[in-house]
C-alpha atoms as a PDB file:
ATOM      1  CA  MET A   1      50.318  74.175 153.647  1.00  0.00           C
ATOM      2  CA  GLU A   2      49.105  73.791 149.932  1.00  0.00           C
ATOM      3  CA  ALA A   3      48.406  77.517 149.444  1.00  0.00           C
ATOM      4  CA  PRO A   4      52.273  78.588 149.812  1.00  0.00           C
ATOM      5  CA  LEU A   5      53.423  75.909 147.882  1.00  0.00           C
ATOM      6  CA  GLN A   6      51.091  77.000 145.225  1.00  0.00           C
ATOM      7  CA  GLU A   7      52.218  80.867 145.562  1.00  0.00           C
ATOM      8  CA  THR A   8      55.805  79.770 145.928  1.00  0.00           C
ATOM      9  CA  PHE A   9      55.736  77.803 142.568  1.00  0.00           C
ATOM     10  CA  PRO A  10      54.613  80.532 140.256  1.00  0.00           C
ATOM     11  CA  ARG A  11      57.237  83.241 141.863  1.00  0.00           C
ATOM     12  CA  ALA A  12      59.857  80.621 141.534  1.00  0.00           C
ATOM     13  CA  LEU A  13      58.648  80.416 137.972  1.00  0.00           C
ATOM     14  CA  ARG A  14      58.826  83.699 137.375  1.00  0.00           C
ATOM     15  CA  ASP A  15      62.363  84.278 138.948  1.00  0.00           C
ATOM     16  CA  LEU A  16      63.689  81.426 136.702  1.00  0.00           C
ATOM     17  CA  GLU A  17      62.104  83.194 133.692  1.00  0.00           C
ATOM     18  CA  ASP A  18      63.710  86.551 134.601  1.00  0.00           C
ATOM     19  CA  LYS A  19      66.820  84.904 135.065  1.00  0.00           C
ATOM     20  CA  LEU A  20      66.427  83.187 131.650  1.00  0.00           C
ATOM     21  CA  VAL A  21      65.914  86.381 129.939  1.00  0.00           C
ATOM     22  CA  ASP A  22      68.818  88.221 131.754  1.00  0.00           C
ATOM     23  CA  ILE A  23      71.053  85.313 130.507  1.00  0.00           C
ATOM     24  CA  LYS A  24      69.425  85.527 126.966  1.00  0.00           C
ATOM     25  CA  ARG A  25      70.428  89.096 127.003  1.00  0.00           C
ATOM     26  CA  GLN A  26      73.877  88.526 128.109  1.00  0.00           C
ATOM     27  CA  VAL A  27      74.505  85.778 125.152  1.00  0.00           C
ATOM     28  CA  GLU A  28      73.152  88.476 122.827  1.00  0.00           C
ATOM     29  CA  LEU A  29      75.616  91.250 124.267  1.00  0.00           C
ATOM     30  CA  LEU A  30      78.649  88.610 123.970  1.00  0.00           C
ATOM     31  CA  GLU A  31      77.645  87.594 120.216  1.00  0.00           C
ATOM     32  CA  SER A  32      77.362  91.182 119.474  1.00  0.00           C
ATOM     33  CA  GLN A  33      80.776  91.893 120.995  1.00  0.00           C
ATOM     34  CA  LEU A  34      82.251  88.776 119.173  1.00  0.00           C
ATOM     35  CA  GLN A  35      81.036  90.482 115.887  1.00  0.00           C
ATOM     36  CA  PHE A  36      82.212  93.767 116.434  1.00  0.00           C
ATOM     37  CA  GLU A  37      85.599  92.376 117.594  1.00  0.00           C
ATOM     38  CA  SER A  38      85.690  90.289 114.391  1.00  0.00           C
ATOM     39  CA  ASP A  39      84.865  92.820 112.316  1.00  0.00           C
ATOM     40  CA  LEU A  40      87.596  95.232 113.945  1.00  0.00           C
ATOM     41  CA  GLN A  41      90.172  92.305 113.512  1.00  0.00           C
ATOM     42  CA  GLN A  42      89.136  92.344 109.813  1.00  0.00           C
ATOM     43  CA  ARG A  43      89.493  95.788 109.635  1.00  0.00           C
ATOM     44  CA  ILE A  44      93.027  95.931 111.008  1.00  0.00           C
ATOM     45  CA  GLN A  45      94.100  93.365 108.586  1.00  0.00           C
ATOM     46  CA  ARG A  46      93.048  95.027 105.716  1.00  0.00           C
ATOM     47  CA  GLN A  47      94.663  98.096 106.992  1.00  0.00           C
ATOM     48  CA  MET A  48      98.083  96.091 107.604  1.00  0.00           C
ATOM     49  CA  ASN A  49      97.821  94.358 104.170  1.00  0.00           C
ATOM     50  CA  ASN A  50      97.286  97.740 102.415  1.00  0.00           C
ATOM     51  CA  LEU A  51     100.513  99.358 104.516  1.00  0.00           C
ATOM     52  CA  LEU A  52     102.445  96.324 103.718  1.00  0.00           C
ATOM     53  CA  ASP A  53     101.662  96.634  99.769  1.00  0.00           C
ATOM     54  CA  SER A  54     102.693 100.462 100.235  1.00  0.00           C
ATOM     55  CA  LEU A  55     105.729  99.616 102.137  1.00  0.00           C
ATOM     56  CA  LEU A  56     106.778  96.988  99.534  1.00  0.00           C
ATOM     57  CA  ALA A  57     105.764  99.554  96.428  1.00  0.00           C
ATOM     58  CA  SER A  58     107.898 102.087  98.159  1.00  0.00           C
ATOM     59  CA  HIS A  59     110.965  99.686  98.825  1.00  0.00           C
ATOM     60  CA  GLN A  60     110.847  98.627  95.190  1.00  0.00           C
ATOM     61  CA  TYR A  61     110.756 102.036  93.891  1.00  0.00           C
ATOM     62  CA  SER A  62     113.730 102.951  96.237  1.00  0.00           C
ATOM     63  CA  GLY A  63     115.455 100.190  94.521  1.00  0.00           C
ATOM     64  CA  ARG A  64     114.625 101.276  91.222  1.00  0.00           C
ATOM     65  CA  GLN A  65     115.917 104.644  92.072  1.00  0.00           C
ATOM     66  CA  ALA A  66     119.176 103.238  93.626  1.00  0.00           C
ATOM     67  CA  ASP A  67     119.809 101.271  90.507  1.00  0.00           C
ATOM     68  CA  ARG A  68     119.420 104.209  88.573  1.00  0.00           C
ATOM     69  CA  VAL A  69     121.711 106.240  90.453  1.00  0.00           C
ATOM     70  CA  THR A  70     124.220 103.436  89.989  1.00  0.00           C
ATOM     71  CA  ASP A  71     123.690 103.377  86.146  1.00  0.00           C
ATOM     72  CA  LEU A  72     124.065 107.295  85.922  1.00  0.00           C
ATOM     73  CA  ALA A  73     127.412 107.198  88.101  1.00  0.00           C
ATOM     74  CA  CYS A  74     128.473 104.824  85.903  1.00  0.00           C
ATOM     75  CA  GLU A  75     127.709 106.703  82.540  1.00  0.00           C
ATOM     76  CA  VAL A  76     129.341 109.625  84.100  1.00  0.00           C
ATOM     77  CA  ARG A  77     132.199 107.659  84.722  1.00  0.00           C
ATOM     78  CA  ARG A  78     132.252 106.228  81.291  1.00  0.00           C
ATOM     79  CA  LEU A  79     132.304 110.130  79.844  1.00  0.00           C
ATOM     80  CA  ARG A  80     134.956 110.879  81.908  1.00  0.00           C
ATOM     81  CA  ASP A  81     137.220 108.144  80.738  1.00  0.00           C
ATOM     82  CA  MET A  82     136.138 109.049  77.406  1.00  0.00           C
ATOM     83  CA  GLU A  83     136.995 112.861  77.773  1.00  0.00           C
ATOM     84  CA  GLY A  84     140.351 112.086  78.669  1.00  0.00           C
ATOM     85  CA  PRO A  85     142.713 114.743  79.657  1.00  0.00           C
ATOM     86  CA  THR A  86     140.077 117.711  79.017  1.00  0.00           C
ATOM     87  CA  ALA A  87     138.317 116.067  82.250  1.00  0.00           C
ATOM     88  CA  SER A  88     141.021 117.780  84.385  1.00  0.00           C
ATOM     89  CA  SER A  89     140.536 121.169  83.220  1.00  0.00           C
ATOM     90  CA  GLY A  90     137.410 121.606  85.181  1.00  0.00           C
ATOM     91  CA  SER A  91     134.092 120.351  84.745  1.00  0.00           C
ATOM     92  CA  PRO A  92     132.753 118.558  81.763  1.00  0.00           C
ATOM     93  CA  ALA A  93     130.635 121.766  80.875  1.00  0.00           C
ATOM     94  CA  GLN A  94     134.036 123.959  80.921  1.00  0.00           C
ATOM     95  CA  ALA A  95     135.696 121.034  78.912  1.00  0.00           C
ATOM     96  CA  ARG A  96     133.187 121.148  76.096  1.00  0.00           C
ATOM     97  CA  SER A  97     133.053 124.574  75.916  1.00  0.00           C
ATOM     98  CA  THR A  98     136.713 124.855  75.966  1.00  0.00           C
ATOM     99  CA  GLU A  99     136.665 122.518  72.953  1.00  0.00           C
ATOM    100  CA  ALA A 100     133.679 124.321  71.279  1.00  0.00           C
ATOM    101  CA  GLY A 101     135.763 127.506  71.296  1.00  0.00           C
ATOM    102  CA  SER A 102     138.934 125.825  70.159  1.00  0.00           C
ATOM    103  CA  SER A 103     136.961 124.388  67.144  1.00  0.00           C
ATOM    104  CA  GLN A 104     135.534 128.013  66.080  1.00  0.00           C
ATOM    105  CA  ALA A 105     138.944 129.488  66.396  1.00  0.00           C
ATOM    106  CA  ARG A 106     140.150 126.894  64.039  1.00  0.00           C
ATOM    107  CA  SER A 107     137.441 126.952  61.913  1.00  0.00           C
ATOM    108  CA  GLY A 108     136.970 130.504  61.722  1.00  0.00           C
ATOM    109  CA  PRO A 109     133.837 133.048  62.279  1.00  0.00           C
END
């Protein structure tokens, strides 16, 4: 009876060792997977931050452009108001050329 027990014990020990090796491998794979997921999450977070920074810069640029357009529109209105009745005779360029022609006619060639 002792012989089978002596044979069974080393076999059971080897089986346990094999199971421990398998468990250790699985733990290492899980650690590797967790590290990969952590790295991926950090990369995604950096890309999202870069995208948000880019969108914010674009939005700010668009806002500045809109402010510039508003300023230019106000300037155009102010210039039209200054031109007075000549503005109704056509475009501002036509009005200026008409004014230039009439001033040359008055002063002579």
